[in-house]
């Protein structure tokens, strides 16, 4: 079932031109145009509809000029309280307040009051919403609004020209992609004339351009800083370069002042194989789909080779003007989470551990013997404040092993947890911590346990963690004398692996969902002896 998407504008400026642009270019079933005063009325939380909100306030909508001059900002709290009515929606985009009527070139005191208001407003918004992943705050200055030519404002209260509308649309499109779980997870980059200027295999190391007082070197330096920041926000980095690996290692050692270090990369493929072969190796190693990856290379022939061999991988054109390199990833990098989870902070380490597991697995002919040798410890925990961020992240980011691909935000998860049971699994073994890697959301209806969502991180697949969930649920069904487990399943372009997993363990119904008739024998299908310990808390 395809989820409907609705968009709500709240503003006292004339948004008709913006709405018309969204109707032509957006993918919304309905678009509503509301005044800012209607913010006091909360929308209904309708099932099957994802609601997105854009709020474009004027300072004069929030407080009077007298309040502005006297610094009476309590009214901001009322404005913020109205916004909190909407935190159940898919996304909220708030543009920082703009002013038209309060602008005055001849009143420096009023200008100071406006600047002070902006600081107070920004501070209050940040304190209130900084940890809400569905809330996004953008300065009106980022939209390139032309507040010097107010011709159309005086004619019809139109403030946004075509440039500002396109800027707004691009920002909102990125937010939408982020909440649809389509964020880029991996950036694969070439090295020579991509991360630095020059060829380390041919040129003297000292002549390579990176940083220093060279303008081209500075451009590359800032590009590395950008990649470093993206890595710190949870995006993985990998190297795919036609180079000698020893030469690459020597150059990174030679330039310790570069923002990027070799250990920042989850995989380094520096050899003379085709780029497509190396990239396929990286994708398989990390278990990431091509359409969740970006490949960067200055050589158009290499880009074409990869594009022809690996379908759906994202490959931007490298800029002819190197000073525009920092814009290269603009279409692909979306919003990052407001709060980093344990899994975000340790993703690089966890992937390194996975390499050791793969090597270790080769020593065993029998898969169960290998699984038993891992000494896997699993903690099954209920949903609470300590794991809510990770639960939201699993809903938002996991595609392949996601039974419904619903994209619930934390508010929706909390609402469902009032009537449903949420269980999460935290896993560790002899190689280290894997973190919280799976989630199940189920409810009891008419002597049937209904699994509303079952989600597993790709890096835990093959470890039989699903057996623990199903084992627990079957035991609960037997204890309560229920006769069936029913699993909701929505087929998507990406969740075929989950379809295969469910098909091998459950019966498929006529409605394309899955079910299992409960009997004491049902437990035999989900053995859990391979785990060293299982704790339920």
Protein backbone atom coordinates (compact mmCIF):
# COMPACT_ATOMS: atom_id res chain seq x y z
CA UNK A 1 0.00 0.00 0.00
CA UNK A 2 1.46 3.34 -1.06
CA UNK A 3 1.40 5.97 1.69
CA UNK A 4 -0.30 9.24 0.74
CA UNK A 5 1.70 12.40 1.25
CA UNK A 6 0.18 15.75 2.15
CA UNK A 7 1.90 19.14 2.47
CA UNK A 8 0.69 22.01 4.66
CA UNK A 9 1.95 25.59 4.32
CA UNK A 10 1.47 27.97 7.26
CA UNK A 11 2.25 31.61 6.45
CA UNK A 12 0.68 35.05 6.12
CA UNK A 13 2.66 35.78 2.99
CA UNK A 14 1.13 34.88 -0.36
CA UNK A 15 2.24 31.27 -0.94
CA UNK A 16 0.19 30.66 -4.11
CA UNK A 17 3.27 30.74 -6.37
CA UNK A 18 5.14 28.33 -4.08
CA UNK A 19 2.14 26.00 -3.89
CA UNK A 20 1.81 25.96 -7.69
CA UNK A 21 5.51 25.09 -8.02
CA UNK A 22 5.10 22.19 -5.58
CA UNK A 23 2.00 20.95 -7.41
CA UNK A 24 4.01 20.69 -10.63
CA UNK A 25 7.28 19.37 -9.18
CA UNK A 26 6.38 17.68 -5.90
CA UNK A 27 4.80 14.32 -5.21
CA UNK A 28 2.02 15.22 -2.82
CA UNK A 29 -1.57 14.01 -3.03
CA UNK A 30 -2.81 17.27 -1.50
CA UNK A 31 -1.28 20.66 -0.69
CA UNK A 32 -2.93 23.04 1.77
CA UNK A 33 -2.33 26.79 2.06
CA UNK A 34 -3.03 28.06 5.60
CA UNK A 35 -2.53 31.29 7.48
CA UNK A 36 -0.05 31.37 10.35
CA UNK A 37 -2.96 31.88 12.77
CA UNK A 38 -4.15 28.33 12.08
CA UNK A 39 -1.05 26.97 13.80
CA UNK A 40 -3.08 26.86 17.00
CA UNK A 41 -5.23 24.07 15.57
CA UNK A 42 -3.57 20.65 15.53
CA UNK A 43 -4.05 18.45 12.48
CA UNK A 44 -5.50 14.99 12.84
CA UNK A 45 -3.03 12.13 13.01
CA UNK A 46 -4.58 10.12 10.18
CA UNK A 47 -3.30 6.62 9.44
CA UNK A 48 -1.94 5.97 5.97
CA UNK A 49 -1.07 9.64 5.38
CA UNK A 50 2.38 11.19 5.81
CA UNK A 51 2.00 14.88 6.60
CA UNK A 52 4.71 17.44 5.93
CA UNK A 53 4.58 21.04 7.17
CA UNK A 54 6.36 24.20 6.03
CA UNK A 55 6.08 27.26 8.29
CA UNK A 56 7.12 30.67 6.93
CA UNK A 57 6.51 33.28 9.65
CA UNK A 58 6.93 37.04 9.64
CA UNK A 59 8.24 38.63 12.84
CA UNK A 60 5.11 40.78 12.80
CA UNK A 61 3.05 37.55 12.99
CA UNK A 62 4.75 36.72 16.27
CA UNK A 63 4.97 39.98 18.21
CA UNK A 64 4.05 43.65 17.93
CA UNK A 65 6.55 46.41 17.28
CA UNK A 66 6.05 47.57 20.86
CA UNK A 67 6.93 44.12 22.20
CA UNK A 68 9.88 43.98 19.81
CA UNK A 69 11.26 47.33 21.01
CA UNK A 70 10.79 46.43 24.69
CA UNK A 71 12.30 42.95 24.29
CA UNK A 72 9.16 41.12 25.48
CA UNK A 73 9.73 37.68 23.98
CA UNK A 74 7.38 35.47 26.00
CA UNK A 75 5.09 35.37 22.97
CA UNK A 76 7.78 33.24 21.26
CA UNK A 77 6.99 30.47 23.73
CA UNK A 78 3.35 30.50 22.63
CA UNK A 79 4.44 30.26 18.99
CA UNK A 80 6.69 27.31 19.84
CA UNK A 81 3.92 25.61 21.82
CA UNK A 82 1.70 25.75 18.74
CA UNK A 83 4.41 24.05 16.69
CA UNK A 84 4.65 21.20 19.22
CA UNK A 85 1.05 20.29 18.33
CA UNK A 86 2.42 18.97 15.05
CA UNK A 87 5.32 16.81 16.20
CA UNK A 88 3.46 13.67 15.16
CA UNK A 89 3.86 14.60 11.46
CA UNK A 90 6.53 13.24 9.13
CA UNK A 91 8.49 16.50 8.91
CA UNK A 92 8.31 20.14 9.95
CA UNK A 93 10.38 22.75 8.13
CA UNK A 94 10.47 26.12 9.87
CA UNK A 95 11.98 29.12 8.07
CA UNK A 96 13.50 31.70 10.42
CA UNK A 97 11.20 34.72 10.86
CA UNK A 98 11.35 37.42 8.20
CA UNK A 99 10.27 41.02 8.60
CA UNK A 100 9.00 43.52 6.06
CA UNK A 101 6.98 46.06 8.03
CA UNK A 102 9.66 46.44 10.73
CA UNK A 103 12.49 47.19 8.32
CA UNK A 104 13.81 50.70 8.64
CA UNK A 105 17.10 52.01 7.35
CA UNK A 106 16.76 55.10 9.55
CA UNK A 107 16.20 53.36 12.87
CA UNK A 108 19.34 51.61 14.16
CA UNK A 109 17.67 50.86 17.50
CA UNK A 110 14.92 48.90 15.73
CA UNK A 111 17.55 47.00 13.77
CA UNK A 112 19.26 46.07 17.04
CA UNK A 113 15.92 44.90 18.43
CA UNK A 114 15.37 42.69 15.37
CA UNK A 115 18.86 41.20 15.71
CA UNK A 116 18.24 40.51 19.41
CA UNK A 117 14.88 38.92 18.65
CA UNK A 118 16.50 36.65 16.05
CA UNK A 119 19.09 35.45 18.58
CA UNK A 120 16.40 34.80 21.20
CA UNK A 121 14.20 32.99 18.68
CA UNK A 122 17.07 30.80 17.39
CA UNK A 123 18.10 29.92 20.93
CA UNK A 124 14.58 28.94 22.01
CA UNK A 125 13.97 26.88 18.88
CA UNK A 126 17.27 25.05 19.32
CA UNK A 127 16.65 24.26 22.98
CA UNK A 128 13.15 22.95 22.27
CA UNK A 129 13.64 20.98 19.06
CA UNK A 130 17.34 20.10 18.81
CA UNK A 131 16.71 16.37 19.42
CA UNK A 132 13.65 16.02 17.17
CA UNK A 133 14.70 14.30 13.94
CA UNK A 134 11.52 15.36 12.16
CA UNK A 135 12.05 19.08 12.89
CA UNK A 136 14.21 21.18 10.56
CA UNK A 137 15.12 24.85 10.92
CA UNK A 138 16.50 26.91 8.01
CA UNK A 139 17.54 30.55 7.89
CA UNK A 140 15.62 32.63 5.35
CA UNK A 141 19.04 33.90 4.23
CA UNK A 142 19.77 30.41 2.83
CA UNK A 143 16.87 30.92 0.40
CA UNK A 144 18.46 34.00 -1.21
CA UNK A 145 15.36 36.08 -0.60
CA UNK A 146 15.60 39.47 -2.27
CA UNK A 147 14.37 41.87 0.43
CA UNK A 148 15.63 44.92 -1.46
CA UNK A 149 13.13 44.71 -4.31
CA UNK A 150 9.66 44.57 -2.70
CA UNK A 151 7.66 45.36 -5.85
CA UNK A 152 5.73 42.09 -5.79
CA UNK A 153 5.26 42.30 -2.03
CA UNK A 154 3.47 45.61 -2.39
CA UNK A 155 1.42 44.30 -5.32
CA UNK A 156 0.29 40.98 -3.91
CA UNK A 157 2.20 40.10 -0.70
CA UNK A 158 4.50 37.86 -2.80
CA UNK A 159 7.94 37.53 -1.22
CA UNK A 160 9.47 34.47 -2.90
CA UNK A 161 10.90 34.83 -6.40
CA UNK A 162 11.74 31.84 -8.62
CA UNK A 163 15.26 31.50 -7.16
CA UNK A 164 13.99 31.40 -3.56
CA UNK A 165 11.23 28.92 -4.45
CA UNK A 166 13.69 26.52 -6.09
CA UNK A 167 16.01 26.83 -3.08
CA UNK A 168 13.14 26.03 -0.71
CA UNK A 169 12.02 23.11 -2.86
CA UNK A 170 15.54 21.61 -2.98
CA UNK A 171 15.95 21.88 0.81
CA UNK A 172 12.55 20.29 1.38
CA UNK A 173 13.21 17.56 -1.17
CA UNK A 174 16.34 16.56 0.75
CA UNK A 175 14.36 16.46 3.99
CA UNK A 176 11.72 14.29 2.33
CA UNK A 177 14.33 11.87 0.99
CA UNK A 178 15.91 11.67 4.43
CA UNK A 179 12.62 10.68 6.04
CA UNK A 180 11.93 8.16 3.27
CA UNK A 181 15.11 6.33 4.26
CA UNK A 182 16.84 7.26 1.00
CA UNK A 183 19.83 9.00 2.53
CA UNK A 184 23.26 8.19 1.17
CA UNK A 185 25.06 5.73 3.45
CA UNK A 186 28.41 5.40 1.66
CA UNK A 187 30.71 7.71 -0.32
CA UNK A 188 33.36 5.98 -2.44
CA UNK A 189 36.07 8.30 -3.67
CA UNK A 190 39.06 8.26 -5.98
CA UNK A 191 42.27 9.89 -4.72
CA UNK A 192 44.45 11.61 -7.36
CA UNK A 193 42.94 14.92 -8.53
CA UNK A 194 39.87 14.08 -6.44
CA UNK A 195 40.96 14.32 -2.80
CA UNK A 196 44.08 16.28 -3.70
CA UNK A 197 45.66 17.92 -6.73
CA UNK A 198 48.24 15.78 -8.49
CA UNK A 199 49.17 12.12 -8.93
CA UNK A 200 51.03 10.58 -5.99
CA UNK A 201 52.45 7.78 -8.15
CA UNK A 202 54.09 10.21 -10.59
CA UNK A 203 54.63 13.52 -8.80
CA UNK A 204 56.90 14.41 -5.94
CA UNK A 205 54.88 14.28 -2.69
CA UNK A 206 55.82 17.86 -1.94
CA UNK A 207 54.21 19.11 -5.17
CA UNK A 208 50.80 17.54 -4.39
CA UNK A 209 48.26 20.30 -3.81
CA UNK A 210 46.35 20.00 -0.55
CA UNK A 211 45.97 22.95 1.80
CA UNK A 212 48.87 25.34 2.23
CA UNK A 213 48.70 28.76 0.61
CA UNK A 214 47.73 27.39 -2.81
CA UNK A 215 44.11 28.23 -3.81
CA UNK A 216 43.60 24.87 -5.53
CA UNK A 217 45.10 23.09 -2.53
CA UNK A 218 42.73 25.00 -0.25
CA UNK A 219 39.73 23.84 -2.33
CA UNK A 220 40.79 20.20 -1.92
CA UNK A 221 41.46 20.75 1.78
CA UNK A 222 37.93 22.06 2.35
CA UNK A 223 36.49 19.18 0.34
CA UNK A 224 38.27 16.77 2.66
CA UNK A 225 36.85 18.68 5.61
CA UNK A 226 33.37 18.24 4.15
CA UNK A 227 33.89 14.48 3.79
CA UNK A 228 35.27 14.32 7.32
CA UNK A 229 32.16 16.05 8.67
CA UNK A 230 29.90 13.70 6.72
CA UNK A 231 31.81 10.74 8.13
CA UNK A 232 31.37 12.11 11.65
CA UNK A 233 27.62 12.42 11.00
CA UNK A 234 27.36 8.71 10.22
CA UNK A 235 28.10 8.40 6.48
CA UNK A 236 30.73 5.78 5.61
CA UNK A 237 33.75 6.60 3.43
CA UNK A 238 35.69 4.23 1.16
CA UNK A 239 38.58 4.57 -1.31
CA UNK A 240 38.59 3.16 -4.84
CA UNK A 241 41.77 4.20 -6.62
CA UNK A 242 44.03 2.90 -9.39
CA UNK A 243 47.14 3.17 -7.32
CA UNK A 244 49.67 1.13 -5.42
CA UNK A 245 48.40 0.50 -1.87
CA UNK A 246 51.83 1.04 -0.34
CA UNK A 247 52.13 4.40 -2.15
CA UNK A 248 48.73 5.45 -0.77
CA UNK A 249 49.73 4.52 2.78
CA UNK A 250 53.03 6.39 2.45
CA UNK A 251 51.32 9.54 1.23
CA UNK A 252 48.81 9.57 4.08
CA UNK A 253 51.75 9.20 6.47
CA UNK A 254 53.61 11.99 4.63
CA UNK A 255 50.66 14.40 5.00
CA UNK A 256 49.33 14.03 8.58
CA UNK A 257 47.96 17.58 8.31
CA UNK A 258 45.21 16.46 5.91
CA UNK A 259 41.70 16.40 7.46
CA UNK A 260 41.15 12.81 6.30
CA UNK A 261 43.24 9.97 7.72
CA UNK A 262 43.44 6.48 6.25
CA UNK A 263 41.56 5.12 9.29
CA UNK A 264 38.57 7.30 8.36
CA UNK A 265 37.85 4.93 5.47
CA UNK A 266 35.94 1.74 6.09
CA UNK A 267 37.48 0.12 3.01
CA UNK A 268 40.54 0.94 0.89
CA UNK A 269 40.78 -0.63 -2.58
CA UNK A 270 43.98 0.72 -4.16
CA UNK A 271 45.06 -1.54 -7.02
CA UNK A 272 44.88 -1.81 -10.82
CA UNK A 273 41.58 -3.66 -11.10
CA UNK A 274 38.62 -1.99 -12.80
CA UNK A 275 36.81 0.54 -10.63
CA UNK A 276 33.54 -1.36 -11.01
CA UNK A 277 35.11 -4.58 -9.71
CA UNK A 278 36.55 -2.80 -6.67
CA UNK A 279 33.30 -0.96 -5.96
CA UNK A 280 31.29 -4.18 -6.13
CA UNK A 281 33.75 -5.66 -3.65
CA UNK A 282 33.28 -2.68 -1.30
CA UNK A 283 29.46 -2.82 -1.56
CA UNK A 284 29.41 -6.54 -0.84
CA UNK A 285 31.84 -6.16 2.03
CA UNK A 286 29.79 -3.45 3.72
CA UNK A 287 26.41 -4.83 2.57
CA UNK A 288 25.13 -1.56 1.12
CA UNK A 289 23.05 -1.18 -2.04
CA UNK A 290 24.41 0.82 -5.01
CA UNK A 291 21.59 3.39 -4.82
CA UNK A 292 22.63 4.17 -1.24
CA UNK A 293 26.15 4.98 -2.44
CA UNK A 294 27.94 7.81 -4.25
CA UNK A 295 31.06 7.34 -6.38
CA UNK A 296 33.35 10.36 -6.90
CA UNK A 297 36.02 10.39 -9.60
CA UNK A 298 37.55 13.19 -11.66
CA UNK A 299 37.99 10.89 -14.69
CA UNK A 300 34.88 10.72 -16.95
CA UNK A 301 36.04 7.40 -18.45
CA UNK A 302 36.13 5.81 -14.99
CA UNK A 303 32.71 7.26 -14.17
CA UNK A 304 31.29 5.80 -17.40
CA UNK A 305 32.84 2.39 -16.73
CA UNK A 306 31.27 2.22 -13.26
CA UNK A 307 27.94 3.62 -14.48
CA UNK A 308 27.69 0.92 -17.17
CA UNK A 309 28.60 -1.93 -14.83
CA UNK A 310 26.81 -0.92 -11.60
CA UNK A 311 23.25 0.19 -12.10
CA UNK A 312 21.64 2.76 -9.81
CA UNK A 313 24.88 3.90 -8.15
CA UNK A 314 24.98 7.69 -7.82
CA UNK A 315 27.80 9.30 -9.83
CA UNK A 316 28.00 13.11 -9.92
CA UNK A 317 29.88 14.93 -12.67
CA UNK A 318 33.16 16.22 -11.31
CA UNK A 319 33.26 20.04 -11.53
CA UNK A 320 35.35 21.59 -14.27
CA UNK A 321 35.99 24.47 -11.88
CA UNK A 322 37.73 22.92 -8.87
CA UNK A 323 36.59 25.82 -6.68
CA UNK A 324 33.03 24.42 -6.92
CA UNK A 325 34.03 21.01 -5.54
CA UNK A 326 32.26 21.59 -2.22
CA UNK A 327 28.94 21.69 -4.09
CA UNK A 328 29.55 18.26 -5.60
CA UNK A 329 27.58 16.33 -2.98
CA UNK A 330 24.72 18.81 -2.50
CA UNK A 331 22.12 16.64 -4.32
CA UNK A 332 23.08 13.51 -2.35
CA UNK A 333 23.72 14.49 1.26
CA UNK A 334 20.54 14.99 3.22
CA UNK A 335 19.74 15.80 6.81
CA UNK A 336 21.83 14.04 9.44
CA UNK A 337 20.37 12.82 12.74
CA UNK A 338 20.16 15.44 15.48
CA UNK A 339 21.38 12.91 18.03
CA UNK A 340 24.11 10.38 17.31
CA UNK A 341 23.38 6.86 18.54
CA UNK A 342 25.94 4.39 19.86
CA UNK A 343 25.67 2.62 16.51
CA UNK A 344 26.45 5.85 14.60
CA UNK A 345 29.49 6.59 16.70
CA UNK A 346 30.92 3.08 16.40
CA UNK A 347 29.89 2.14 12.85
CA UNK A 348 33.45 2.12 11.51
CA UNK A 349 34.63 -0.14 14.34
CA UNK A 350 31.65 -2.47 13.88
CA UNK A 351 32.33 -2.90 10.18
CA UNK A 352 35.98 -3.65 10.92
CA UNK A 353 34.82 -6.33 13.38
CA UNK A 354 32.59 -7.78 10.66
CA UNK A 355 35.67 -8.40 8.51
CA UNK A 356 37.15 -10.49 11.33
CA UNK A 357 33.90 -12.46 11.59
CA UNK A 358 33.94 -13.20 7.86
CA UNK A 359 37.55 -14.43 8.08
CA UNK A 360 36.71 -16.50 11.14
CA UNK A 361 33.71 -18.07 9.38
CA UNK A 362 35.96 -19.61 6.73
CA UNK A 363 37.45 -21.89 9.40
CA UNK A 364 34.16 -23.73 9.89
CA UNK A 365 32.46 -26.11 7.47
CA UNK A 366 29.23 -26.06 9.48
CA UNK A 367 27.44 -22.71 9.87
CA UNK A 368 25.91 -23.66 13.24
CA UNK A 369 29.33 -24.54 14.61
CA UNK A 370 30.59 -21.11 13.58
CA UNK A 371 27.57 -19.38 15.14
CA UNK A 372 28.10 -21.28 18.38
CA UNK A 373 31.79 -20.35 18.41
CA UNK A 374 30.95 -16.62 18.35
CA UNK A 375 29.74 -16.78 21.98
CA UNK A 376 26.93 -14.39 21.05
CA UNK A 377 25.16 -12.63 23.91
CA UNK A 378 21.77 -11.08 23.24
CA UNK A 379 19.77 -8.71 25.41
CA UNK A 380 16.10 -8.30 24.55
CA UNK A 381 14.80 -4.98 25.84
CA UNK A 382 11.55 -3.09 25.81
CA UNK A 383 11.24 0.35 24.24
CA UNK A 384 12.24 3.22 26.51
CA UNK A 385 13.93 6.63 26.34
CA UNK A 386 17.39 5.06 26.21
CA UNK A 387 16.73 3.26 22.91
CA UNK A 388 14.02 5.41 21.32
CA UNK A 389 16.49 7.22 19.02
CA UNK A 390 17.87 3.92 17.76
CA UNK A 391 14.34 2.54 17.23
CA UNK A 392 13.50 5.58 15.09
CA UNK A 393 16.76 5.12 13.19
CA UNK A 394 15.96 1.48 12.39
CA UNK A 395 12.55 2.51 11.05
CA UNK A 396 14.05 5.29 8.98
CA UNK A 397 17.20 3.71 7.56
CA UNK A 398 16.72 -0.05 7.13
CA UNK A 399 15.40 -1.13 3.74
CA UNK A 400 16.39 -4.70 2.86
CA UNK A 401 15.28 -6.42 6.06
CA UNK A 402 12.22 -4.33 6.82
CA UNK A 403 8.83 -6.07 6.64
CA UNK A 404 6.70 -2.99 5.95
CA UNK A 405 9.22 -0.16 5.25
CA UNK A 406 7.02 2.15 7.31
CA UNK A 407 8.99 5.26 8.31
CA UNK A 408 7.76 6.02 11.82
CA UNK A 409 9.21 8.97 13.69
CA UNK A 410 9.75 8.87 17.44
CA UNK A 411 6.35 10.44 18.18
CA UNK A 412 4.55 7.81 16.12
CA UNK A 413 6.61 5.06 17.75
CA UNK A 414 5.64 6.32 21.20
CA UNK A 415 1.97 6.47 20.22
CA UNK A 416 2.01 2.88 18.92
CA UNK A 417 3.91 1.68 21.99
CA UNK A 418 0.89 2.59 24.14
CA UNK A 419 -1.07 -0.31 22.62
CA UNK A 420 1.63 -2.50 21.02
CA UNK A 421 4.70 -4.30 22.36
CA UNK A 422 8.09 -3.13 21.08
CA UNK A 423 11.15 -5.32 21.61
CA UNK A 424 14.71 -4.51 20.54
CA UNK A 425 17.79 -6.73 20.50
CA UNK A 426 21.28 -5.70 21.57
CA UNK A 427 24.04 -8.06 20.43
CA UNK A 428 27.67 -8.70 21.33
CA UNK A 429 30.10 -11.55 20.68
CA UNK A 430 33.77 -12.44 21.01
CA UNK A 431 34.66 -9.79 18.42
CA UNK A 432 32.87 -6.91 20.15
CA UNK A 433 29.64 -4.94 20.49
CA UNK A 434 27.20 -4.83 17.57
CA UNK A 435 24.72 -2.54 19.31
CA UNK A 436 20.94 -2.54 18.88
CA UNK A 437 20.38 -4.32 15.59
CA UNK A 438 16.73 -5.39 15.36
CA UNK A 439 13.23 -4.43 16.37
CA UNK A 440 9.82 -6.08 16.44
CA UNK A 441 6.47 -4.34 16.97
CA UNK A 442 3.53 -6.64 17.68
CA UNK A 443 0.00 -6.60 19.09
CA UNK A 444 -2.62 -9.14 20.17
CA UNK A 445 -5.97 -9.26 18.33
CA UNK A 446 -8.59 -12.04 18.50
CA UNK A 447 -6.24 -14.75 19.75
CA UNK A 448 -3.72 -13.82 17.06
CA UNK A 449 -0.33 -12.14 17.53
CA UNK A 450 0.04 -9.57 14.77
CA UNK A 451 3.60 -8.53 13.93
CA UNK A 452 3.21 -4.97 12.64
CA UNK A 453 6.90 -4.42 11.88
CA UNK A 454 9.99 -6.60 11.90
CA UNK A 455 13.29 -4.80 11.16
CA UNK A 456 16.89 -6.07 11.17
CA UNK A 457 20.13 -4.32 10.39
CA UNK A 458 21.92 -5.93 7.44
CA UNK A 459 25.09 -6.50 9.43
CA UNK A 460 23.37 -9.01 11.74
CA UNK A 461 21.75 -11.06 8.98
CA UNK A 462 22.73 -14.72 9.04
CA UNK A 463 23.29 -14.70 12.80
CA UNK A 464 19.79 -16.15 13.52
CA UNK A 465 18.82 -13.24 15.78
CA UNK A 466 15.29 -13.46 14.34
CA UNK A 467 14.94 -16.89 15.99
CA UNK A 468 14.98 -15.25 19.42
CA UNK A 469 12.11 -12.90 18.60
CA UNK A 470 10.00 -15.63 17.00
CA UNK A 471 10.80 -18.04 19.81
CA UNK A 472 9.63 -15.54 22.43
CA UNK A 473 6.47 -14.70 20.51
CA UNK A 474 5.55 -18.36 19.94
CA UNK A 475 6.00 -19.06 23.66
CA UNK A 476 3.74 -16.11 24.46
CA UNK A 477 1.13 -17.40 21.99
CA UNK A 478 1.24 -20.91 23.51
CA UNK A 479 0.95 -19.49 27.04
CA UNK A 480 -2.09 -17.37 26.09
CA UNK A 481 -3.56 -20.19 23.99
CA UNK A 482 -3.47 -18.11 20.81
CA UNK A 483 -3.63 -20.05 17.57
CA UNK A 484 -1.84 -17.91 14.99
CA UNK A 485 0.98 -15.46 14.33
CA UNK A 486 0.30 -13.03 11.51
CA UNK A 487 3.06 -10.90 9.94
CA UNK A 488 2.22 -7.79 7.95
CA UNK A 489 4.34 -7.45 4.84
CA UNK A 490 4.48 -4.65 2.28
CA UNK A 491 6.61 -5.48 -0.76
CA UNK A 492 9.00 -2.73 -1.85
CA UNK A 493 11.79 -2.46 -4.38
CA UNK A 494 14.38 -3.10 -1.69
CA UNK A 495 12.99 -5.58 0.83
CA UNK A 496 13.25 -8.80 -1.21
CA UNK A 497 15.76 -10.20 1.34
CA UNK A 498 13.10 -9.89 4.06
CA UNK A 499 10.58 -11.55 1.75
CA UNK A 500 12.95 -14.50 1.31
CA UNK A 501 13.56 -14.79 5.06
CA UNK A 502 9.84 -14.79 5.88
CA UNK A 503 9.02 -17.16 3.01
CA UNK A 504 11.44 -19.74 4.40
CA UNK A 505 9.92 -19.63 7.90
CA UNK A 506 6.22 -18.80 7.47
CA UNK A 507 3.24 -19.55 5.26
CA UNK A 508 2.19 -16.96 2.72
CA UNK A 509 -1.44 -15.84 2.82
CA UNK A 510 -3.67 -14.78 -0.05
CA UNK A 511 -3.23 -11.15 1.06
CA UNK A 512 0.58 -11.47 0.52
CA UNK A 513 1.17 -11.30 4.27
CA UNK A 514 2.59 -14.24 6.25
CA UNK A 515 1.22 -16.44 9.00
CA UNK A 516 2.11 -19.38 11.23
CA UNK A 517 -0.36 -21.73 12.90
CA UNK A 518 0.81 -22.23 16.46
CA UNK A 519 1.57 -25.61 17.98
CA UNK A 520 4.19 -26.85 20.48
CA UNK A 521 6.18 -28.06 17.46
CA UNK A 522 6.46 -24.50 16.14
CA UNK A 523 9.40 -23.78 18.44
CA UNK A 524 11.54 -26.37 16.67
CA UNK A 525 11.74 -24.12 13.62
CA UNK A 526 13.47 -21.40 15.63
CA UNK A 527 16.31 -22.95 17.68
CA UNK A 528 18.26 -20.71 20.03
CA UNK A 529 20.93 -23.07 21.40
CA UNK A 530 23.61 -21.36 19.29
CA UNK A 531 23.59 -18.31 21.61
CA UNK A 532 25.80 -18.16 24.70
CA UNK A 533 23.21 -16.14 26.63
CA UNK A 534 19.83 -14.49 26.10
CA UNK A 535 18.58 -11.99 28.67
CA UNK A 536 15.11 -10.46 28.56
CA UNK A 537 14.73 -7.29 30.54
